C-alpha cells in the first residue's frame, strides 16, 4: 500500500519559486519541471518512502532526502499514519542546504 504524500507550505513555496524562475525564460519548461517534481515525489516517495538516505543535518532517522534531477527533495516519513511529508524542494545550484525546514 502506498503512503500518502503531503507537501508542506515550505515545499510548495520552494516549488513555486523554482517554477517562477524557470518561467521567466521558458514557460513550458517551468510547467514540466513543476509537474515532474510533484509526480516524482508522489510516485516514488509514496511507493518507496525509505528510498532516500537519512539527512545528515538532522538527528531524526525519519528525515530523509532523495535526489531527483537537480533537486534535493527532503521529506519526513510518518510510518504510523502511512504518509510522507515533503519538507523542501532544494535546487542544488542554490548552494549550501539550509538547515531550516520551515
PDB file of N, CA and C in Angstrom:
ATOM      1  N   UNK A   1       0.841  -1.184   0.000  1.00  0.00           N
ATOM      2  CA  UNK A   1       0.000   0.000   0.000  1.00  0.00           C
ATOM      3  C   UNK A   1       0.889   1.251   0.000  1.00  0.00           C
ATOM      4  N   UNK A   2       0.590   2.174  -0.873  1.00  0.00           N
ATOM      5  CA  UNK A   2       1.366   3.407  -0.964  1.00  0.00           C
ATOM      6  C   UNK A   2       1.081   4.344   0.204  1.00  0.00           C
ATOM      7  N   UNK A   3       2.121   5.078   0.568  1.00  0.00           N
ATOM      8  CA  UNK A   3       1.972   6.126   1.566  1.00  0.00           C
ATOM      9  C   UNK A   3       1.370   7.355   0.883  1.00  0.00           C
ATOM     10  N   UNK A   4       0.619   8.119   1.653  1.00  0.00           N
ATOM     11  CA  UNK A   4       0.072   9.380   1.151  1.00  0.00           C
ATOM     12  C   UNK A   4       1.189  10.420   1.199  1.00  0.00           C
ATOM     13  N   UNK A   5       1.322  11.209   0.161  1.00  0.00           N
ATOM     14  CA  UNK A   5       2.360  12.236   0.094  1.00  0.00           C
ATOM     15  C   UNK A   5       1.705  13.602   0.292  1.00  0.00           C
ATOM     16  N   UNK A   6       2.238  14.348   1.255  1.00  0.00           N
ATOM     17  CA  UNK A   6       1.734  15.680   1.594  1.00  0.00           C
ATOM     18  C   UNK A   6       2.877  16.665   1.398  1.00  0.00           C
ATOM     19  N   UNK A   7       2.571  17.829   0.873  1.00  0.00           N
ATOM     20  CA  UNK A   7       3.577  18.865   0.647  1.00  0.00           C
ATOM     21  C   UNK A   7       3.429  19.965   1.691  1.00  0.00           C
ATOM     22  N   UNK A   8       4.507  20.244   2.407  1.00  0.00           N
ATOM     23  CA  UNK A   8       4.486  21.308   3.411  1.00  0.00           C
ATOM     24  C   UNK A   8       4.371  22.664   2.717  1.00  0.00           C
ATOM     25  N   UNK A   9       3.916  23.692   3.450  1.00  0.00           N
ATOM     26  CA  UNK A   9       3.874  25.037   2.860  1.00  0.00           C
ATOM     27  C   UNK A   9       5.251  25.492   2.358  1.00  0.00           C
ATOM     28  N   UNK A  10       6.306  25.117   3.058  1.00  0.00           N
ATOM     29  CA  UNK A  10       7.652  25.498   2.632  1.00  0.00           C
ATOM     30  C   UNK A  10       8.025  24.810   1.324  1.00  0.00           C
ATOM     31  N   UNK A  11       7.660  23.546   1.179  1.00  0.00           N
ATOM     32  CA  UNK A  11       7.936  22.829  -0.074  1.00  0.00           C
ATOM     33  C   UNK A  11       7.161  23.454  -1.223  1.00  0.00           C
ATOM     34  N   UNK A  12       5.926  23.830  -0.972  1.00  0.00           N
ATOM     35  CA  UNK A  12       5.106  24.478  -2.008  1.00  0.00           C
ATOM     36  C   UNK A  12       5.744  25.805  -2.410  1.00  0.00           C
ATOM     37  N   UNK A  13       6.234  26.562  -1.422  1.00  0.00           N
ATOM     38  CA  UNK A  13       6.899  27.834  -1.716  1.00  0.00           C
ATOM     39  C   UNK A  13       8.170  27.602  -2.543  1.00  0.00           C
ATOM     40  N   UNK A  14       8.983  26.616  -2.130  1.00  0.00           N
ATOM     41  CA  UNK A  14      10.194  26.285  -2.886  1.00  0.00           C
ATOM     42  C   UNK A  14       9.861  25.974  -4.337  1.00  0.00           C
ATOM     43  N   UNK A  15       8.859  25.151  -4.528  1.00  0.00           N
ATOM     44  CA  UNK A  15       8.465  24.736  -5.878  1.00  0.00           C
ATOM     45  C   UNK A  15       7.965  25.931  -6.687  1.00  0.00           C
ATOM     46  N   UNK A  16       7.149  26.769  -6.063  1.00  0.00           N
ATOM     47  CA  UNK A  16       6.625  27.955  -6.751  1.00  0.00           C
ATOM     48  C   UNK A  16       7.762  28.892  -7.157  1.00  0.00           C
ATOM     49  N   UNK A  17       8.743  29.073  -6.297  1.00  0.00           N
ATOM     50  CA  UNK A  17       9.880  29.939  -6.620  1.00  0.00           C
ATOM     51  C   UNK A  17      10.681  29.380  -7.791  1.00  0.00           C
ATOM     52  N   UNK A  18      10.902  28.074  -7.792  1.00  0.00           N
ATOM     53  CA  UNK A  18      11.648  27.457  -8.890  1.00  0.00           C
ATOM     54  C   UNK A  18      10.889  27.580 -10.205  1.00  0.00           C
ATOM     55  N   UNK A  19       9.605  27.298 -10.159  1.00  0.00           N
ATOM     56  CA  UNK A  19       8.790  27.369 -11.375  1.00  0.00           C
ATOM     57  C   UNK A  19       8.742  28.808 -11.887  1.00  0.00           C
ATOM     58  N   UNK A  20       8.590  29.772 -11.002  1.00  0.00           N
ATOM     59  CA  UNK A  20       8.548  31.180 -11.417  1.00  0.00           C
ATOM     60  C   UNK A  20       9.870  31.602 -12.057  1.00  0.00           C
ATOM     61  N   UNK A  21      10.965  31.146 -11.494  1.00  0.00           N
ATOM     62  CA  UNK A  21      12.282  31.487 -12.047  1.00  0.00           C
ATOM     63  C   UNK A  21      12.447  30.910 -13.458  1.00  0.00           C
ATOM     64  N   UNK A  22      12.085  29.649 -13.620  1.00  0.00           N
ATOM     65  CA  UNK A  22      12.217  28.999 -14.930  1.00  0.00           C
ATOM     66  C   UNK A  22      11.258  29.631 -15.940  1.00  0.00           C
ATOM     67  N   UNK A  23      10.066  30.002 -15.494  1.00  0.00           N
ATOM     68  CA  UNK A  23       9.048  30.572 -16.383  1.00  0.00           C
ATOM     69  C   UNK A  23       9.486  31.898 -16.987  1.00  0.00           C
ATOM     70  N   UNK A  24      10.395  32.602 -16.334  1.00  0.00           N
ATOM     71  CA  UNK A  24      10.895  33.862 -16.911  1.00  0.00           C
ATOM     72  C   UNK A  24      11.598  33.609 -18.235  1.00  0.00           C
ATOM     73  N   UNK A  25      12.107  32.403 -18.414  1.00  0.00           N
ATOM     74  CA  UNK A  25      12.863  32.064 -19.619  1.00  0.00           C
ATOM     75  C   UNK A  25      12.130  31.088 -20.531  1.00  0.00           C
ATOM     76  N   UNK A  26      11.332  30.197 -19.917  1.00  0.00           N
ATOM     77  CA  UNK A  26      10.658  29.164 -20.720  1.00  0.00           C
ATOM     78  C   UNK A  26       9.461  28.636 -19.927  1.00  0.00           C
ATOM     79  N   UNK A  27       8.278  29.110 -20.285  1.00  0.00           N
ATOM     80  CA  UNK A  27       7.077  28.726 -19.538  1.00  0.00           C
ATOM     81  C   UNK A  27       6.751  27.240 -19.638  1.00  0.00           C
ATOM     82  N   UNK A  28       6.960  26.665 -20.802  1.00  0.00           N
ATOM     83  CA  UNK A  28       6.675  25.236 -20.957  1.00  0.00           C
ATOM     84  C   UNK A  28       7.625  24.397 -20.108  1.00  0.00           C
ATOM     85  N   UNK A  29       8.882  24.783 -20.044  1.00  0.00           N
ATOM     86  CA  UNK A  29       9.843  24.060 -19.204  1.00  0.00           C
ATOM     87  C   UNK A  29       9.470  24.194 -17.735  1.00  0.00           C
ATOM     88  N   UNK A  30       8.985  25.352 -17.353  1.00  0.00           N
ATOM     89  CA  UNK A  30       8.584  25.570 -15.959  1.00  0.00           C
ATOM     90  C   UNK A  30       7.459  24.611 -15.559  1.00  0.00           C
ATOM     91  N   UNK A  31       6.494  24.452 -16.431  1.00  0.00           N
ATOM     92  CA  UNK A  31       5.383  23.524 -16.168  1.00  0.00           C
ATOM     93  C   UNK A  31       5.908  22.095 -16.072  1.00  0.00           C
ATOM     94  N   UNK A  32       6.804  21.717 -16.986  1.00  0.00           N
ATOM     95  CA  UNK A  32       7.368  20.358 -16.961  1.00  0.00           C
ATOM     96  C   UNK A  32       8.135  20.099 -15.661  1.00  0.00           C
ATOM     97  N   UNK A  33       8.930  21.067 -15.243  1.00  0.00           N
ATOM     98  CA  UNK A  33       9.704  20.894 -14.012  1.00  0.00           C
ATOM     99  C   UNK A  33       8.771  20.775 -12.811  1.00  0.00           C
ATOM    100  N   UNK A  34       7.824  21.686 -12.692  1.00  0.00           N
ATOM    101  CA  UNK A  34       6.894  21.645 -11.561  1.00  0.00           C
ATOM    102  C   UNK A  34       6.092  20.356 -11.508  1.00  0.00           C
ATOM    103  N   UNK A  35       5.495  20.006 -12.630  1.00  0.00           N
ATOM    104  CA  UNK A  35       4.716  18.767 -12.685  1.00  0.00           C
ATOM    105  C   UNK A  35       5.600  17.546 -12.446  1.00  0.00           C
ATOM    106  N   UNK A  36       6.801  17.577 -13.016  1.00  0.00           N
ATOM    107  CA  UNK A  36       7.713  16.441 -12.859  1.00  0.00           C
ATOM    108  C   UNK A  36       8.129  16.215 -11.417  1.00  0.00           C
ATOM    109  N   UNK A  37       8.395  17.288 -10.685  1.00  0.00           N
ATOM    110  CA  UNK A  37       8.771  17.139  -9.275  1.00  0.00           C
ATOM    111  C   UNK A  37       7.615  16.608  -8.440  1.00  0.00           C
ATOM    112  N   UNK A  38       6.428  17.106  -8.697  1.00  0.00           N
ATOM    113  CA  UNK A  38       5.255  16.623  -7.954  1.00  0.00           C
ATOM    114  C   UNK A  38       5.005  15.155  -8.267  1.00  0.00           C
ATOM    115  N   UNK A  39       5.024  14.802  -9.540  1.00  0.00           N
ATOM    116  CA  UNK A  39       4.786  13.406  -9.930  1.00  0.00           C
ATOM    117  C   UNK A  39       5.860  12.479  -9.371  1.00  0.00           C
ATOM    118  N   UNK A  40       7.111  12.920  -9.404  1.00  0.00           N
ATOM    119  CA  UNK A  40       8.203  12.095  -8.877  1.00  0.00           C
ATOM    120  C   UNK A  40       8.042  11.887  -7.376  1.00  0.00           C
ATOM    121  N   UNK A  41       7.747  12.957  -6.666  1.00  0.00           N
ATOM    122  CA  UNK A  41       7.583  12.842  -5.213  1.00  0.00           C
ATOM    123  C   UNK A  41       6.407  11.929  -4.872  1.00  0.00           C
ATOM    124  N   UNK A  42       5.286  12.148  -5.514  1.00  0.00           N
ATOM    125  CA  UNK A  42       4.114  11.327  -5.222  1.00  0.00           C
ATOM    126  C   UNK A  42       4.334   9.873  -5.615  1.00  0.00           C
ATOM    127  N   UNK A  43       4.922   9.663  -6.779  1.00  0.00           N
ATOM    128  CA  UNK A  43       5.110   8.300  -7.267  1.00  0.00           C
ATOM    129  C   UNK A  43       6.170   7.535  -6.505  1.00  0.00           C
ATOM    130  N   UNK A  44       7.381   8.066  -6.455  1.00  0.00           N
ATOM    131  CA  UNK A  44       8.489   7.335  -5.851  1.00  0.00           C
ATOM    132  C   UNK A  44       8.406   7.318  -4.325  1.00  0.00           C
ATOM    133  N   UNK A  45       8.180   8.475  -3.717  1.00  0.00           N
ATOM    134  CA  UNK A  45       8.162   8.515  -2.255  1.00  0.00           C
ATOM    135  C   UNK A  45       6.904   7.865  -1.684  1.00  0.00           C
ATOM    136  N   UNK A  46       5.821   7.936  -2.424  1.00  0.00           N
ATOM    137  CA  UNK A  46       4.605   7.263  -1.976  1.00  0.00           C
ATOM    138  C   UNK A  46       4.763   5.752  -1.999  1.00  0.00           C
ATOM    139  N   UNK A  47       5.428   5.250  -3.031  1.00  0.00           N
ATOM    140  CA  UNK A  47       5.606   3.803  -3.185  1.00  0.00           C
ATOM    141  C   UNK A  47       6.778   3.263  -2.379  1.00  0.00           C
ATOM    142  N   UNK A  48       7.852   4.057  -2.248  1.00  0.00           N
ATOM    143  CA  UNK A  48       9.065   3.602  -1.567  1.00  0.00           C
ATOM    144  C   UNK A  48       9.597   4.702  -0.650  1.00  0.00           C
ATOM    145  N   UNK A  49       8.917   4.978   0.443  1.00  0.00           N
ATOM    146  CA  UNK A  49       9.321   6.100   1.294  1.00  0.00           C
ATOM    147  C   UNK A  49      10.735   5.975   1.871  1.00  0.00           C
ATOM    148  N   UNK A  50      11.245   4.788   1.979  1.00  0.00           N
ATOM    149  CA  UNK A  50      12.584   4.604   2.538  1.00  0.00           C
ATOM    150  C   UNK A  50      13.693   4.670   1.510  1.00  0.00           C
ATOM    151  N   UNK A  51      13.389   5.115   0.286  1.00  0.00           N
ATOM    152  CA  UNK A  51      14.366   5.092  -0.797  1.00  0.00           C
ATOM    153  C   UNK A  51      15.575   5.981  -0.532  1.00  0.00           C
ATOM    154  N   UNK A  52      15.367   7.114   0.100  1.00  0.00           N
ATOM    155  CA  UNK A  52      16.462   8.060   0.298  1.00  0.00           C
ATOM    156  C   UNK A  52      17.223   7.822   1.588  1.00  0.00           C
ATOM    157  N   UNK A  53      18.474   8.284   1.614  1.00  0.00           N
ATOM    158  CA  UNK A  53      19.249   8.165   2.855  1.00  0.00           C
ATOM    159  C   UNK A  53      18.795   9.193   3.880  1.00  0.00           C
ATOM    160  N   UNK A  54      19.180   8.955   5.113  1.00  0.00           N
ATOM    161  CA  UNK A  54      18.883   9.892   6.194  1.00  0.00           C
ATOM    162  C   UNK A  54      19.626  11.190   5.935  1.00  0.00           C
ATOM    163  N   UNK A  55      18.990  12.319   6.259  1.00  0.00           N
ATOM    164  CA  UNK A  55      19.646  13.625   6.131  1.00  0.00           C
ATOM    165  C   UNK A  55      20.666  13.760   7.255  1.00  0.00           C
ATOM    166  N   UNK A  56      21.931  13.937   6.923  1.00  0.00           N
ATOM    167  CA  UNK A  56      22.946  14.034   7.969  1.00  0.00           C
ATOM    168  C   UNK A  56      22.817  15.293   8.821  1.00  0.00           C
ATOM    169  N   UNK A  57      22.096  16.296   8.338  1.00  0.00           N
ATOM    170  CA  UNK A  57      21.942  17.548   9.084  1.00  0.00           C
ATOM    171  C   UNK A  57      20.956  17.451  10.247  1.00  0.00           C
ATOM    172  N   UNK A  58      20.168  16.392  10.273  1.00  0.00           N
ATOM    173  CA  UNK A  58      19.101  16.268  11.267  1.00  0.00           C
ATOM    174  C   UNK A  58      19.233  14.940  12.005  1.00  0.00           C
ATOM    175  N   UNK A  59      19.000  14.948  13.310  1.00  0.00           N
ATOM    176  CA  UNK A  59      19.172  13.711  14.078  1.00  0.00           C
ATOM    177  C   UNK A  59      18.067  12.673  13.851  1.00  0.00           C
ATOM    178  N   UNK A  60      16.904  13.105  13.414  1.00  0.00           N
ATOM    179  CA  UNK A  60      15.768  12.184  13.276  1.00  0.00           C
ATOM    180  C   UNK A  60      15.978  11.235  12.099  1.00  0.00           C
ATOM    181  N   UNK A  61      15.860   9.951  12.363  1.00  0.00           N
ATOM    182  CA  UNK A  61      16.001   8.914  11.325  1.00  0.00           C
ATOM    183  C   UNK A  61      14.947   9.069  10.228  1.00  0.00           C
ATOM    184  N   UNK A  62      13.792   9.629  10.588  1.00  0.00           N
ATOM    185  CA  UNK A  62      12.678   9.729   9.641  1.00  0.00           C
ATOM    186  C   UNK A  62      12.860  10.842   8.614  1.00  0.00           C
ATOM    187  N   UNK A  63      13.795  11.763   8.835  1.00  0.00           N
ATOM    188  CA  UNK A  63      14.021  12.840   7.874  1.00  0.00           C
ATOM    189  C   UNK A  63      15.074  12.371   6.880  1.00  0.00           C
ATOM    190  N   UNK A  64      14.652  12.289   5.639  1.00  0.00           N
ATOM    191  CA  UNK A  64      15.481  11.735   4.571  1.00  0.00           C
ATOM    192  C   UNK A  64      15.478  12.672   3.374  1.00  0.00           C
ATOM    193  N   UNK A  65      16.302  12.349   2.397  1.00  0.00           N
ATOM    194  CA  UNK A  65      16.287  13.116   1.160  1.00  0.00           C
ATOM    195  C   UNK A  65      16.426  12.174  -0.021  1.00  0.00           C
ATOM    196  N   UNK A  66      16.011  12.678  -1.149  1.00  0.00           N
ATOM    197  CA  UNK A  66      16.109  11.934  -2.397  1.00  0.00           C
ATOM    198  C   UNK A  66      16.486  12.940  -3.470  1.00  0.00           C
ATOM    199  N   UNK A  67      17.482  12.612  -4.250  1.00  0.00           N
ATOM    200  CA  UNK A  67      17.902  13.485  -5.345  1.00  0.00           C
ATOM    201  C   UNK A  67      17.121  13.118  -6.598  1.00  0.00           C
ATOM    202  N   UNK A  68      16.437  14.102  -7.127  1.00  0.00           N
ATOM    203  CA  UNK A  68      15.687  13.926  -8.375  1.00  0.00           C
ATOM    204  C   UNK A  68      16.114  15.027  -9.327  1.00  0.00           C
ATOM    205  N   UNK A  69      16.804  14.625 -10.367  1.00  0.00           N
ATOM    206  CA  UNK A  69      17.387  15.559 -11.320  1.00  0.00           C
ATOM    207  C   UNK A  69      18.286  16.527 -10.566  1.00  0.00           C
ATOM    208  N   UNK A  70      18.009  17.803 -10.584  1.00  0.00           N
ATOM    209  CA  UNK A  70      18.868  18.785  -9.909  1.00  0.00           C
ATOM    210  C   UNK A  70      18.305  19.216  -8.555  1.00  0.00           C
ATOM    211  N   UNK A  71      17.351  18.484  -8.045  1.00  0.00           N
ATOM    212  CA  UNK A  71      16.690  18.873  -6.805  1.00  0.00           C
ATOM    213  C   UNK A  71      16.944  17.874  -5.687  1.00  0.00           C
ATOM    214  N   UNK A  72      17.121  18.402  -4.509  1.00  0.00           N
ATOM    215  CA  UNK A  72      17.171  17.592  -3.290  1.00  0.00           C
ATOM    216  C   UNK A  72      15.775  17.698  -2.675  1.00  0.00           C
ATOM    217  N   UNK A  73      15.069  16.591  -2.653  1.00  0.00           N
ATOM    218  CA  UNK A  73      13.727  16.553  -2.071  1.00  0.00           C
ATOM    219  C   UNK A  73      13.886  16.012  -0.655  1.00  0.00           C
ATOM    220  N   UNK A  74      13.619  16.861   0.328  1.00  0.00           N
ATOM    221  CA  UNK A  74      13.758  16.480   1.733  1.00  0.00           C
ATOM    222  C   UNK A  74      12.373  16.140   2.253  1.00  0.00           C
ATOM    223  N   UNK A  75      12.279  15.015   2.941  1.00  0.00           N
ATOM    224  CA  UNK A  75      10.970  14.558   3.398  1.00  0.00           C
ATOM    225  C   UNK A  75      11.074  13.837   4.730  1.00  0.00           C
ATOM    226  N   UNK A  76       9.939  13.707   5.370  1.00  0.00           N
ATOM    227  CA  UNK A  76       9.848  13.012   6.652  1.00  0.00           C
ATOM    228  C   UNK A  76       8.839  11.875   6.524  1.00  0.00           C
ATOM    229  N   UNK A  77       9.245  10.719   6.970  1.00  0.00           N
ATOM    230  CA  UNK A  77       8.367   9.546   6.906  1.00  0.00           C
ATOM    231  C   UNK A  77       7.584   9.446   8.210  1.00  0.00           C
ATOM    232  N   UNK A  78       6.280   9.275   8.082  1.00  0.00           N
ATOM    233  CA  UNK A  78       5.396   9.055   9.229  1.00  0.00           C
ATOM    234  C   UNK A  78       4.778   7.669   9.040  1.00  0.00           C
ATOM    235  N   UNK A  79       5.479   6.652   9.571  1.00  0.00           N
ATOM    236  CA  UNK A  79       5.017   5.275   9.380  1.00  0.00           C
ATOM    237  C   UNK A  79       3.680   5.015  10.062  1.00  0.00           C
ATOM    238  N   UNK A  80       3.471   5.627  11.215  1.00  0.00           N
ATOM    239  CA  UNK A  80       2.234   5.383  11.969  1.00  0.00           C
ATOM    240  C   UNK A  80       0.993   5.764  11.162  1.00  0.00           C
ATOM    241  N   UNK A  81       1.103   6.840  10.399  1.00  0.00           N
ATOM    242  CA  UNK A  81      -0.036   7.310   9.607  1.00  0.00           C
ATOM    243  C   UNK A  81       0.111   7.017   8.114  1.00  0.00           C
ATOM    244  N   UNK A  82       1.151   6.251   7.762  1.00  0.00           N
ATOM    245  CA  UNK A  82       1.423   5.874   6.377  1.00  0.00           C
ATOM    246  C   UNK A  82       1.406   7.075   5.445  1.00  0.00           C
ATOM    247  N   UNK A  83       2.257   8.053   5.800  1.00  0.00           N
ATOM    248  CA  UNK A  83       2.352   9.237   4.959  1.00  0.00           C
ATOM    249  C   UNK A  83       3.784   9.748   4.911  1.00  0.00           C
ATOM    250  N   UNK A  84       4.046  10.516   3.880  1.00  0.00           N
ATOM    251  CA  UNK A  84       5.341  11.170   3.681  1.00  0.00           C
ATOM    252  C   UNK A  84       5.055  12.662   3.573  1.00  0.00           C
ATOM    253  N   UNK A  85       5.766  13.440   4.370  1.00  0.00           N
ATOM    254  CA  UNK A  85       5.631  14.892   4.316  1.00  0.00           C
ATOM    255  C   UNK A  85       6.853  15.452   3.600  1.00  0.00           C
ATOM    256  N   UNK A  86       6.641  16.016   2.419  1.00  0.00           N
ATOM    257  CA  UNK A  86       7.733  16.653   1.685  1.00  0.00           C
ATOM    258  C   UNK A  86       7.976  18.001   2.345  1.00  0.00           C
ATOM    259  N   UNK A  87       9.210  18.184   2.847  1.00  0.00           N
ATOM    260  CA  UNK A  87       9.560  19.378   3.591  1.00  0.00           C
ATOM    261  C   UNK A  87      10.159  20.472   2.716  1.00  0.00           C
ATOM    262  N   UNK A  88      11.004  20.095   1.757  1.00  0.00           N
ATOM    263  CA  UNK A  88      11.675  21.076   0.909  1.00  0.00           C
ATOM    264  C   UNK A  88      11.939  20.499  -0.474  1.00  0.00           C
ATOM    265  N   UNK A  89      11.937  21.376  -1.481  1.00  0.00           N
ATOM    266  CA  UNK A  89      12.476  21.109  -2.810  1.00  0.00           C
ATOM    267  C   UNK A  89      13.636  22.087  -2.946  1.00  0.00           C
ATOM    268  N   UNK A  90      14.858  21.594  -2.923  1.00  0.00           N
ATOM    269  CA  UNK A  90      16.016  22.478  -2.941  1.00  0.00           C
ATOM    270  C   UNK A  90      16.838  22.235  -4.204  1.00  0.00           C
ATOM    271  N   UNK A  91      16.931  23.257  -5.065  1.00  0.00           N
ATOM    272  CA  UNK A  91      17.730  23.106  -6.275  1.00  0.00           C
ATOM    273  C   UNK A  91      19.204  23.143  -5.904  1.00  0.00           C
ATOM    274  N   UNK A  92      19.952  22.190  -6.382  1.00  0.00           N
ATOM    275  CA  UNK A  92      21.362  22.042  -5.998  1.00  0.00           C
ATOM    276  C   UNK A  92      22.222  23.230  -6.418  1.00  0.00           C
ATOM    277  N   UNK A  93      21.812  23.990  -7.412  1.00  0.00           N
ATOM    278  CA  UNK A  93      22.604  25.151  -7.836  1.00  0.00           C
ATOM    279  C   UNK A  93      22.551  26.286  -6.816  1.00  0.00           C
ATOM    280  N   UNK A  94      21.616  26.192  -5.859  1.00  0.00           N
ATOM    281  CA  UNK A  94      21.492  27.236  -4.841  1.00  0.00           C
ATOM    282  C   UNK A  94      22.608  27.172  -3.800  1.00  0.00           C
ATOM    283  N   UNK A  95      23.390  26.138  -3.855  1.00  0.00           N
ATOM    284  CA  UNK A  95      24.498  26.029  -2.908  1.00  0.00           C
ATOM    285  C   UNK A  95      24.125  25.283  -1.655  1.00  0.00           C
ATOM    286  N   UNK A  96      24.702  25.722  -0.545  1.00  0.00           N
ATOM    287  CA  UNK A  96      24.527  25.021   0.723  1.00  0.00           C
ATOM    288  C   UNK A  96      23.064  24.839   1.085  1.00  0.00           C
ATOM    289  N   UNK A  97      22.815  23.719   1.675  1.00  0.00           N
ATOM    290  CA  UNK A  97      21.478  23.345   2.106  1.00  0.00           C
ATOM    291  C   UNK A  97      21.105  24.140   3.358  1.00  0.00           C
ATOM    292  N   UNK A  98      19.940  24.781   3.396  1.00  0.00           N
ATOM    293  CA  UNK A  98      19.528  25.498   4.609  1.00  0.00           C
ATOM    294  C   UNK A  98      19.051  24.506   5.665  1.00  0.00           C
ATOM    295  N   UNK A  99      19.469  24.679   6.864  1.00  0.00           N
ATOM    296  CA  UNK A  99      19.087  23.766   7.929  1.00  0.00           C
ATOM    297  C   UNK A  99      17.628  23.941   8.325  1.00  0.00           C
ATOM    298  N   UNK A 100      17.076  25.115   8.101  1.00  0.00           N
ATOM    299  CA  UNK A 100      15.691  25.421   8.465  1.00  0.00           C
ATOM    300  C   UNK A 100      14.725  24.687   7.538  1.00  0.00           C
ATOM    301  N   UNK A 101      13.861  23.874   8.111  1.00  0.00           N
ATOM    302  CA  UNK A 101      12.891  23.128   7.313  1.00  0.00           C
ATOM    303  C   UNK A 101      11.556  23.839   7.198  1.00  0.00           C
ATOM    304  N   UNK A 102      11.364  24.897   7.954  1.00  0.00           N
ATOM    305  CA  UNK A 102      10.076  25.614   7.939  1.00  0.00           C
ATOM    306  C   UNK A 102      10.115  26.795   7.016  1.00  0.00           C
TER     307      UNK A 102
END
